[in-house]
Protein backbone atom coordinates (compact mmCIF):
# COMPACT_ATOMS: atom_id res chain seq x y z
CA MET A 1 106.20 77.52 82.90
CA LYS A 2 103.89 80.36 83.87
CA ASN A 3 104.36 81.35 87.49
CA VAL A 4 101.10 81.39 89.43
CA ILE A 5 100.45 82.91 92.82
CA ARG A 6 97.99 80.90 94.86
CA SER A 7 95.38 82.59 97.06
CA VAL A 8 96.38 86.15 96.28
CA GLY A 9 94.60 88.43 98.72
CA VAL A 10 92.73 91.49 98.73
CA ALA A 11 109.24 100.96 83.14
CA SER A 12 108.29 103.96 82.16
CA VAL A 13 108.46 107.30 83.99
CA ALA A 14 104.85 107.94 83.09
CA VAL A 15 103.80 104.65 84.66
CA ALA A 16 105.87 105.26 87.78
CA PHE A 17 104.14 108.60 88.27
CA GLY A 18 100.70 106.95 88.16
CA ALA A 19 98.38 106.37 91.10
CA GLY A 20 100.12 104.41 93.79
CA ALA A 21 103.55 105.73 92.82
CA ALA A 22 105.38 107.67 95.51
CA LEU A 23 105.07 111.17 94.06
CA SER A 24 102.73 112.27 96.82
CA ALA A 25 104.05 113.10 100.24
CA PRO A 26 103.55 110.56 103.05
CA ILE A 27 100.27 110.78 104.93
CA ALA A 28 100.56 113.10 107.93
CA GLY A 29 101.59 111.20 111.03
CA ALA A 30 102.72 108.11 109.13
CA GLN A 31 106.34 108.43 110.24
CA SER A 32 105.56 108.63 113.93
CA SER A 33 103.46 105.45 113.74
CA LEU A 34 106.32 103.34 112.40
CA PRO A 35 108.84 101.39 114.45
CA GLY A 36 111.92 103.44 115.25
CA GLY A 37 111.70 106.78 113.50
CA SER A 38 114.65 108.39 115.25
CA LEU A 39 117.56 110.08 113.49
CA GLY A 40 120.78 108.28 112.76
CA GLY A 41 119.83 104.84 111.48
CA SER A 42 122.03 102.77 109.17
CA LEU A 43 121.35 100.96 105.90
CA GLY A 44 122.11 97.30 105.33
CA ASP A 45 124.40 96.75 108.31
CA ALA A 46 122.54 94.00 110.22
CA CYS A 47 124.24 91.19 108.33
CA GLY A 48 122.28 88.00 107.81
CA THR A 49 119.06 86.59 106.40
CA GLU A 50 115.89 87.55 108.22
CA VAL A 51 112.93 85.28 107.57
CA VAL A 52 109.78 87.41 107.63
CA THR A 53 106.38 85.72 107.91
CA PRO A 54 102.84 87.17 107.91
CA GLU A 55 102.98 87.18 111.70
CA THR A 56 106.31 89.04 111.90
CA LEU A 57 105.95 91.39 108.92
CA GLU A 58 104.94 94.49 110.87
CA ALA A 59 107.32 93.84 113.77
CA SER A 60 110.17 93.55 111.25
CA GLY A 61 109.59 97.16 110.17
CA TRP A 62 107.85 96.42 106.85
CA PHE A 63 104.54 98.16 106.06
CA THR A 64 102.14 99.20 103.28
CA PRO A 65 101.06 102.87 103.27
CA ASP A 66 97.44 103.50 104.25
CA ASP A 67 96.57 104.74 100.75
CA GLU A 68 97.63 101.50 99.00
CA THR A 69 96.50 97.88 98.90
CA ASP A 70 98.29 95.69 101.43
CA ALA A 71 101.09 93.52 100.12
CA LYS A 72 100.91 89.96 101.43
CA ILE A 73 103.16 86.98 101.93
CA ASP A 74 101.59 84.11 100.00
CA ALA A 75 102.30 80.71 98.51
CA VAL A 76 103.72 80.68 94.96
CA ASP A 77 104.05 77.96 92.34
CA GLY A 78 106.94 77.42 89.93
CA ALA A 79 109.47 79.48 91.88
CA PRO A 80 113.19 78.59 91.99
CA GLU A 81 114.73 76.99 95.06
CA SER A 82 116.15 80.35 96.16
CA VAL A 83 112.58 81.68 96.48
CA GLY A 84 110.95 78.55 97.88
CA ALA A 85 107.24 78.01 98.38
CA ALA A 86 106.28 81.57 99.33
CA ALA A 87 107.06 85.17 98.47
CA LEU A 88 105.80 88.71 98.93
CA THR A 89 102.84 89.26 96.58
CA LEU A 90 101.56 92.61 95.30
CA PRO A 91 97.84 92.35 94.48
CA THR A 92 95.88 94.25 91.85
CA ASP A 93 93.35 96.92 92.79
CA ALA A 94 91.19 98.96 90.42
CA THR A 95 92.06 102.27 92.09
CA LEU A 96 95.13 101.73 94.29
CA GLY A 97 98.67 100.57 93.84
CA SER A 98 100.36 98.08 96.16
CA SER A 99 103.73 98.32 97.85
CA LEU A 100 105.83 97.25 100.78
CA TYR A 101 108.39 99.49 102.44
CA LYS A 102 110.81 99.03 105.31
CA ASN A 103 111.36 101.80 107.81
CA ALA A 104 114.93 103.08 107.39
CA ASP A 105 115.11 105.19 110.57
CA ARG A 106 116.18 108.27 108.59
CA ALA A 107 119.57 106.86 107.69
CA PRO A 108 121.73 109.15 105.54
CA LEU A 109 121.24 108.57 101.80
CA ALA A 110 125.04 108.61 101.56
CA ASP A 111 125.03 105.29 103.47
CA LEU A 112 124.22 103.69 100.12
CA LEU A 113 127.87 104.31 99.26
CA ARG A 114 130.44 102.17 101.04
CA ASP A 115 133.67 104.01 101.81
CA GLY A 116 132.20 106.98 99.97
CA GLU A 117 132.55 105.39 96.54
CA ASN A 118 131.23 101.83 96.15
CA LEU A 119 127.48 101.28 95.90
CA THR A 120 125.95 99.11 98.59
CA PRO A 121 124.65 95.81 97.15
CA LEU A 122 120.95 96.19 96.38
CA SER A 123 118.79 93.54 94.70
CA TYR A 124 115.68 91.36 94.81
CA GLU A 125 114.17 88.43 92.97
CA TYR A 126 110.87 89.13 91.20
CA THR A 127 108.28 87.83 88.78
CA SER A 128 105.42 89.48 86.88
CA SER A 129 103.60 88.79 83.62
CA GLY A 130 103.09 92.57 83.35
CA GLN A 131 105.21 95.50 84.53
CA ALA A 132 108.06 94.62 86.86
CA PRO A 133 107.77 95.79 90.49
CA ALA A 134 109.88 98.93 90.96
CA LEU A 135 112.49 99.69 93.59
CA GLN A 136 111.61 102.83 95.55
CA ILE A 137 113.65 104.77 98.10
CA ARG A 138 111.78 107.54 99.93
CA LEU A 139 113.67 110.61 101.10
CA ASN A 140 113.35 113.60 103.38
CA GLY A 141 115.81 116.46 103.07
CA ALA A 142 116.18 116.09 99.31
CA ASN A 143 117.78 119.09 97.58
CA LEU A 144 114.61 120.18 95.75
CA ALA A 145 114.53 122.87 93.09
CA ASP A 146 112.84 126.15 93.99
CA SER A 147 110.09 125.26 91.50
CA GLU A 148 108.97 122.35 93.71
CA ASP A 149 106.25 123.69 96.00
CA GLY A 150 103.84 120.75 96.26
CA ALA A 151 102.91 118.59 99.24
CA GLY A 152 105.97 117.55 101.20
CA SER A 153 108.29 120.11 99.63
CA ASP A 154 108.78 121.73 103.03
CA ILE A 155 110.49 118.56 104.30
CA GLY A 156 112.28 117.76 101.05
CA PHE A 157 110.13 114.71 100.33
CA ALA A 158 111.04 112.82 97.15
CA THR A 159 111.30 109.24 95.93
CA ILE A 160 114.10 107.55 94.00
CA VAL A 161 112.73 104.99 91.52
CA TRP A 162 114.32 102.25 89.43
CA SER A 163 112.43 99.62 87.42
CA PRO A 164 113.98 96.28 86.42
CA PRO A 165 113.45 94.73 82.98
CA THR A 166 110.33 92.72 82.16
CA ALA A 167 110.51 89.44 84.06
CA ASP A 168 111.51 86.21 82.34
CA GLY A 169 109.93 83.83 84.81
CA TRP A 170 111.64 84.61 88.11
CA SER A 171 114.37 87.19 87.49
CA ASN A 172 116.98 89.11 89.47
CA ALA A 173 116.70 92.88 89.89
CA VAL A 174 120.24 94.22 90.36
CA PRO A 175 120.38 97.95 89.52
CA GLY A 176 124.07 98.44 90.31
CA ASP A 177 125.46 101.34 88.28
CA SER A 178 122.37 101.58 86.04
CA ASP A 179 121.75 105.05 84.62
CA GLN A 180 117.97 104.49 84.74
CA PHE A 181 117.30 105.79 88.25
CA PHE A 182 115.14 108.90 88.54
CA VAL A 183 113.65 111.13 91.22
CA THR A 184 109.97 112.06 91.42
CA ARG A 185 110.75 115.72 92.18
CA ALA A 186 112.80 118.38 90.42
CA LEU A 187 116.21 118.75 92.05
CA GLU A 188 118.68 121.62 92.22
CA GLY A 189 121.65 120.80 90.02
CA GLU A 190 125.29 121.41 90.87
CA GLY A 191 125.27 124.70 88.94
CA GLY A 192 121.98 125.86 90.41
CA GLN A 193 119.96 124.77 87.38
CA ASP A 194 116.85 122.61 87.73
CA VAL A 195 117.14 118.87 87.15
CA PRO A 196 113.58 118.04 85.97
CA ARG A 197 111.48 115.27 87.48
CA GLY A 198 112.12 111.95 85.82
CA THR A 199 115.65 112.76 84.60
CA MET A 200 117.48 109.44 84.26
CA MET A 201 120.71 109.23 86.27
CA THR A 202 122.88 106.79 88.18
CA LEU A 203 122.27 106.32 91.88
CA ASP A 204 125.72 107.84 92.53
CA GLU A 205 124.66 111.03 90.74
CA ILE A 206 121.45 111.26 92.75
CA ILE A 207 123.38 110.83 96.00
CA ASP A 208 125.77 113.61 94.95
CA LEU A 209 122.85 115.97 94.31
CA ASN A 210 121.27 115.25 97.71
CA PRO A 211 124.08 115.42 100.29
CA ASP A 212 121.73 116.09 103.24
CA ALA A 213 118.96 113.65 102.33
CA VAL A 214 117.89 110.87 104.69
CA VAL A 215 116.10 107.65 103.77
CA THR A 216 112.76 107.24 105.51
CA GLU A 217 111.69 103.99 103.80
CA TYR A 218 112.76 101.68 100.99
CA GLY A 219 111.01 98.83 99.23
CA VAL A 220 109.08 97.77 96.13
CA GLN A 221 105.96 99.10 94.47
CA LYS A 222 103.34 98.14 91.87
CA THR A 223 101.17 100.86 90.30
CA ARG A 224 97.43 100.49 89.86
CA ASP A 225 98.00 100.37 86.08
CA ASN A 226 99.75 97.03 86.44
CA THR A 227 96.92 94.51 86.21
CA ALA A 228 99.13 91.40 86.37
CA ASP A 229 97.94 89.08 89.12
CA ASP A 230 101.26 87.29 89.62
CA VAL A 231 103.56 90.08 90.83
CA ALA A 232 105.84 88.82 93.59
CA ILE A 233 109.29 89.43 95.07
CA ASP A 234 111.62 87.64 97.45
CA ASN A 235 115.11 87.86 98.92
CA PHE A 236 115.20 91.65 99.10
CA THR A 237 118.86 92.49 99.71
CA LEU A 238 120.35 95.73 100.98
CA GLY A 239 123.99 95.70 101.98
CA CYS A 240 124.52 92.51 103.94
CA GLU A 241 120.85 92.17 104.94
CA ILE A 242 118.54 89.76 103.12
CA THR A 243 114.80 89.59 103.77
CA ASN A 244 113.33 86.20 102.91
CA PHE A 245 109.51 86.22 102.81
CA GLU A 246 108.05 82.88 103.95
CA LEU A 247 104.77 81.57 105.37
CA GLU A 248 106.63 79.89 108.23
CA ALA A 249 110.05 80.46 109.74
CA GLU A 250 111.02 76.80 110.25
CA ASP A 251 114.09 75.45 108.49
CA THR A 252 114.82 78.76 106.77
CA GLY A 253 117.58 80.24 108.91
CA SER A 254 117.66 83.45 110.93
CA LEU A 255 119.32 86.82 111.00
CA GLY A 256 123.09 86.52 111.13
CA ASP A 257 123.62 82.91 110.02
CA ALA A 258 123.40 82.93 106.24
CA PHE A 259 125.94 85.30 104.82
CA GLY A 260 128.70 83.06 103.61
CA SER A 261 127.31 83.49 100.08
CA LEU A 262 127.84 87.26 100.26
CA GLU A 263 131.48 87.16 101.25
CA GLY A 264 133.54 88.94 98.65
CA MET A 265 130.58 90.95 97.36
CA LEU A 266 131.00 93.82 99.76
CA PRO A 267 133.93 96.23 99.43
CA SER A 268 136.58 95.68 102.06
């Protein structure tokens, strides 16, 4: 059955670098306008399921950059029980991409490794009749190559990108140890050589190349080239935190009460 989003509001590297992709540096002042913003945050440690509704989206730390079309929580048809009646939708715009990021309070990129070796669980459910919505992790303090002198290079701005396979109805995006992650900036390699933009690597390898990087935001993104009108995600999971996008919070649980299903997934 074709999945249809009701009342939608206003995998290649080349596609990911298109308009709306996070190659450009954040707009000046954007960080200071977000909740938190101080050094020393943590990634995925507030265990539980947080139900986020249109009314609580901003207060929960999620936002769309000013230069993109707002993502919206909307009703969906044909979704599995795990998704329910609503999800985060990424609308189409003729000139802009659409995305939703969560403020990460400048947590160390290395926090994505548990005990220094096991990747933190990271996943989301998604659907799209076109390109799949990509995972994006925005950094400051990335170990950029000397050849990188564009906007944001002075703060080590870069974005880690991973795109899941084309959706088969509603699908699960679980990158794990995939070797199809890439960074939107050239990095300095371990021997001092340049690692060109778009070089495919594992997330572990990217973390190793950026020991001082901090995560400013993480989330999902749809480029302007993706004209599918049914792009949606739900149950975004990082570590032991799940974000469930719903129109209303009733009967859907709250932060801290729904993690029995994750027991055994996290390294001890």
